[in-house]
């Protein structure tokens, strides 16, 4: 990993831990050795993730979440640069 990711990151724009530029680059989460695609927020130092629970929403329209504890490994998702440079191929 060439760049250090923050200790805590959220996908909620109202959160103080939201970083639009970083999320646009693509952040992947490995939780207990398993790839998670429904992570709403994570904290590496405290060892937890918040994951969306189904399609349920709270009264403000935000996804219902549950906090899971365990080892968290965030990483930047690699995007194939060759495909981006030559989209016709």
C-alpha atoms as a PDB file:
ATOM      1  CA  UNK A   1       0.000   0.000   0.000  1.00  0.00           C
ATOM      2  CA  UNK A   2       1.655   3.186  -1.171  1.00  0.00           C
ATOM      3  CA  UNK A   3      -0.578   5.575   0.779  1.00  0.00           C
ATOM      4  CA  UNK A   4      -1.696   5.400   4.397  1.00  0.00           C
ATOM      5  CA  UNK A   5      -5.433   5.209   4.841  1.00  0.00           C
ATOM      6  CA  UNK A   6      -7.119   6.996   7.755  1.00  0.00           C
ATOM      7  CA  UNK A   7      -7.756   5.142  11.004  1.00  0.00           C
ATOM      8  CA  UNK A   8     -11.469   5.850  10.640  1.00  0.00           C
ATOM      9  CA  UNK A   9     -13.545   6.447   7.513  1.00  0.00           C
ATOM     10  CA  UNK A  10     -17.279   6.815   6.883  1.00  0.00           C
ATOM     11  CA  UNK A  11     -19.380   6.801   3.722  1.00  0.00           C
ATOM     12  CA  UNK A  12     -21.969   9.143   5.306  1.00  0.00           C
ATOM     13  CA  UNK A  13     -21.509  12.729   4.019  1.00  0.00           C
ATOM     14  CA  UNK A  14     -22.711  14.178   7.344  1.00  0.00           C
ATOM     15  CA  UNK A  15     -19.984  12.364   9.314  1.00  0.00           C
ATOM     16  CA  UNK A  16     -16.765  14.167  10.320  1.00  0.00           C
ATOM     17  CA  UNK A  17     -14.882  11.064   9.097  1.00  0.00           C
ATOM     18  CA  UNK A  18     -16.193  11.368   5.507  1.00  0.00           C
ATOM     19  CA  UNK A  19     -13.575  11.852   2.750  1.00  0.00           C
ATOM     20  CA  UNK A  20     -15.121  12.106  -0.723  1.00  0.00           C
ATOM     21  CA  UNK A  21     -11.820  12.121  -2.633  1.00  0.00           C
ATOM     22  CA  UNK A  22     -10.595   8.980  -0.910  1.00  0.00           C
ATOM     23  CA  UNK A  23     -13.902   7.143  -1.364  1.00  0.00           C
ATOM     24  CA  UNK A  24     -13.892   8.058  -5.077  1.00  0.00           C
ATOM     25  CA  UNK A  25     -10.519   6.311  -5.451  1.00  0.00           C
ATOM     26  CA  UNK A  26     -12.056   3.136  -4.041  1.00  0.00           C
ATOM     27  CA  UNK A  27     -11.442   1.767  -0.558  1.00  0.00           C
ATOM     28  CA  UNK A  28     -11.823  -1.938   0.078  1.00  0.00           C
ATOM     29  CA  UNK A  29     -12.348  -3.492   3.508  1.00  0.00           C
ATOM     30  CA  UNK A  30     -11.149  -6.885   4.638  1.00  0.00           C
ATOM     31  CA  UNK A  31     -12.848  -7.819   7.933  1.00  0.00           C
ATOM     32  CA  UNK A  32     -11.671 -11.007   9.679  1.00  0.00           C
ATOM     33  CA  UNK A  33      -9.996 -11.984   6.393  1.00  0.00           C
ATOM     34  CA  UNK A  34     -13.219 -11.677   4.336  1.00  0.00           C
ATOM     35  CA  UNK A  35     -13.969  -8.973   1.753  1.00  0.00           C
ATOM     36  CA  UNK A  36     -16.932  -6.811   2.792  1.00  0.00           C
ATOM     37  CA  UNK A  37     -18.819  -4.684   0.291  1.00  0.00           C
ATOM     38  CA  UNK A  38     -21.538  -3.294   2.576  1.00  0.00           C
ATOM     39  CA  UNK A  39     -19.335  -1.397   5.061  1.00  0.00           C
ATOM     40  CA  UNK A  40     -20.692   2.037   5.984  1.00  0.00           C
ATOM     41  CA  UNK A  41     -17.909   2.987   8.437  1.00  0.00           C
ATOM     42  CA  UNK A  42     -14.771   1.449   9.929  1.00  0.00           C
ATOM     43  CA  UNK A  43     -12.226   2.090  12.678  1.00  0.00           C
ATOM     44  CA  UNK A  44      -8.920   0.210  12.576  1.00  0.00           C
ATOM     45  CA  UNK A  45      -7.593   1.179  16.033  1.00  0.00           C
ATOM     46  CA  UNK A  46     -10.811   0.173  17.825  1.00  0.00           C
ATOM     47  CA  UNK A  47     -11.300  -2.889  15.577  1.00  0.00           C
ATOM     48  CA  UNK A  48     -14.874  -2.511  14.299  1.00  0.00           C
ATOM     49  CA  UNK A  49     -16.940  -1.972  11.176  1.00  0.00           C
ATOM     50  CA  UNK A  50     -20.517  -0.800  10.673  1.00  0.00           C
ATOM     51  CA  UNK A  51     -22.277  -2.796   7.987  1.00  0.00           C
ATOM     52  CA  UNK A  52     -25.660  -2.217   6.391  1.00  0.00           C
ATOM     53  CA  UNK A  53     -28.374  -4.668   7.441  1.00  0.00           C
ATOM     54  CA  UNK A  54     -30.397  -5.630   4.384  1.00  0.00           C
ATOM     55  CA  UNK A  55     -32.330  -2.837   2.717  1.00  0.00           C
ATOM     56  CA  UNK A  56     -33.871  -1.477   5.923  1.00  0.00           C
ATOM     57  CA  UNK A  57     -33.734   2.297   6.445  1.00  0.00           C
ATOM     58  CA  UNK A  58     -34.126   4.415   9.561  1.00  0.00           C
ATOM     59  CA  UNK A  59     -36.615   7.291   9.664  1.00  0.00           C
ATOM     60  CA  UNK A  60     -34.009   9.691   8.273  1.00  0.00           C
ATOM     61  CA  UNK A  61     -33.530   7.445   5.226  1.00  0.00           C
ATOM     62  CA  UNK A  62     -30.090   6.169   6.237  1.00  0.00           C
ATOM     63  CA  UNK A  63     -29.309   2.444   6.086  1.00  0.00           C
ATOM     64  CA  UNK A  64     -29.770   0.481   9.305  1.00  0.00           C
ATOM     65  CA  UNK A  65     -26.365  -0.722  10.505  1.00  0.00           C
ATOM     66  CA  UNK A  66     -24.857  -3.131  12.995  1.00  0.00           C
ATOM     67  CA  UNK A  67     -21.409  -2.812  14.574  1.00  0.00           C
ATOM     68  CA  UNK A  68     -19.151  -5.869  14.230  1.00  0.00           C
ATOM     69  CA  UNK A  69     -15.881  -6.225  16.154  1.00  0.00           C
ATOM     70  CA  UNK A  70     -12.732  -7.843  14.824  1.00  0.00           C
ATOM     71  CA  UNK A  71      -9.580  -7.111  12.811  1.00  0.00           C
ATOM     72  CA  UNK A  72     -10.096  -4.511  10.061  1.00  0.00           C
ATOM     73  CA  UNK A  73      -7.786  -4.148   7.040  1.00  0.00           C
ATOM     74  CA  UNK A  74      -8.590  -1.218   4.713  1.00  0.00           C
ATOM     75  CA  UNK A  75      -6.841  -0.981   1.337  1.00  0.00           C
ATOM     76  CA  UNK A  76      -7.024   1.035  -1.859  1.00  0.00           C
ATOM     77  CA  UNK A  77      -8.662  -0.902  -4.656  1.00  0.00           C
ATOM     78  CA  UNK A  78      -6.429  -1.252  -7.688  1.00  0.00           C
ATOM     79  CA  UNK A  79      -7.988  -0.114 -10.914  1.00  0.00           C
ATOM     80  CA  UNK A  80      -6.434  -1.461 -14.109  1.00  0.00           C
ATOM     81  CA  UNK A  81      -4.612   1.525 -15.551  1.00  0.00           C
ATOM     82  CA  UNK A  82      -4.090  -0.149 -18.929  1.00  0.00           C
ATOM     83  CA  UNK A  83      -7.863  -0.360 -19.426  1.00  0.00           C
ATOM     84  CA  UNK A  84      -8.283   3.301 -18.463  1.00  0.00           C
ATOM     85  CA  UNK A  85      -5.566   4.492 -20.843  1.00  0.00           C
ATOM     86  CA  UNK A  86      -6.853   2.534 -23.829  1.00  0.00           C
ATOM     87  CA  UNK A  87     -10.663   2.164 -23.570  1.00  0.00           C
ATOM     88  CA  UNK A  88     -10.969   1.088 -27.242  1.00  0.00           C
ATOM     89  CA  UNK A  89      -8.991  -2.142 -26.737  1.00  0.00           C
END
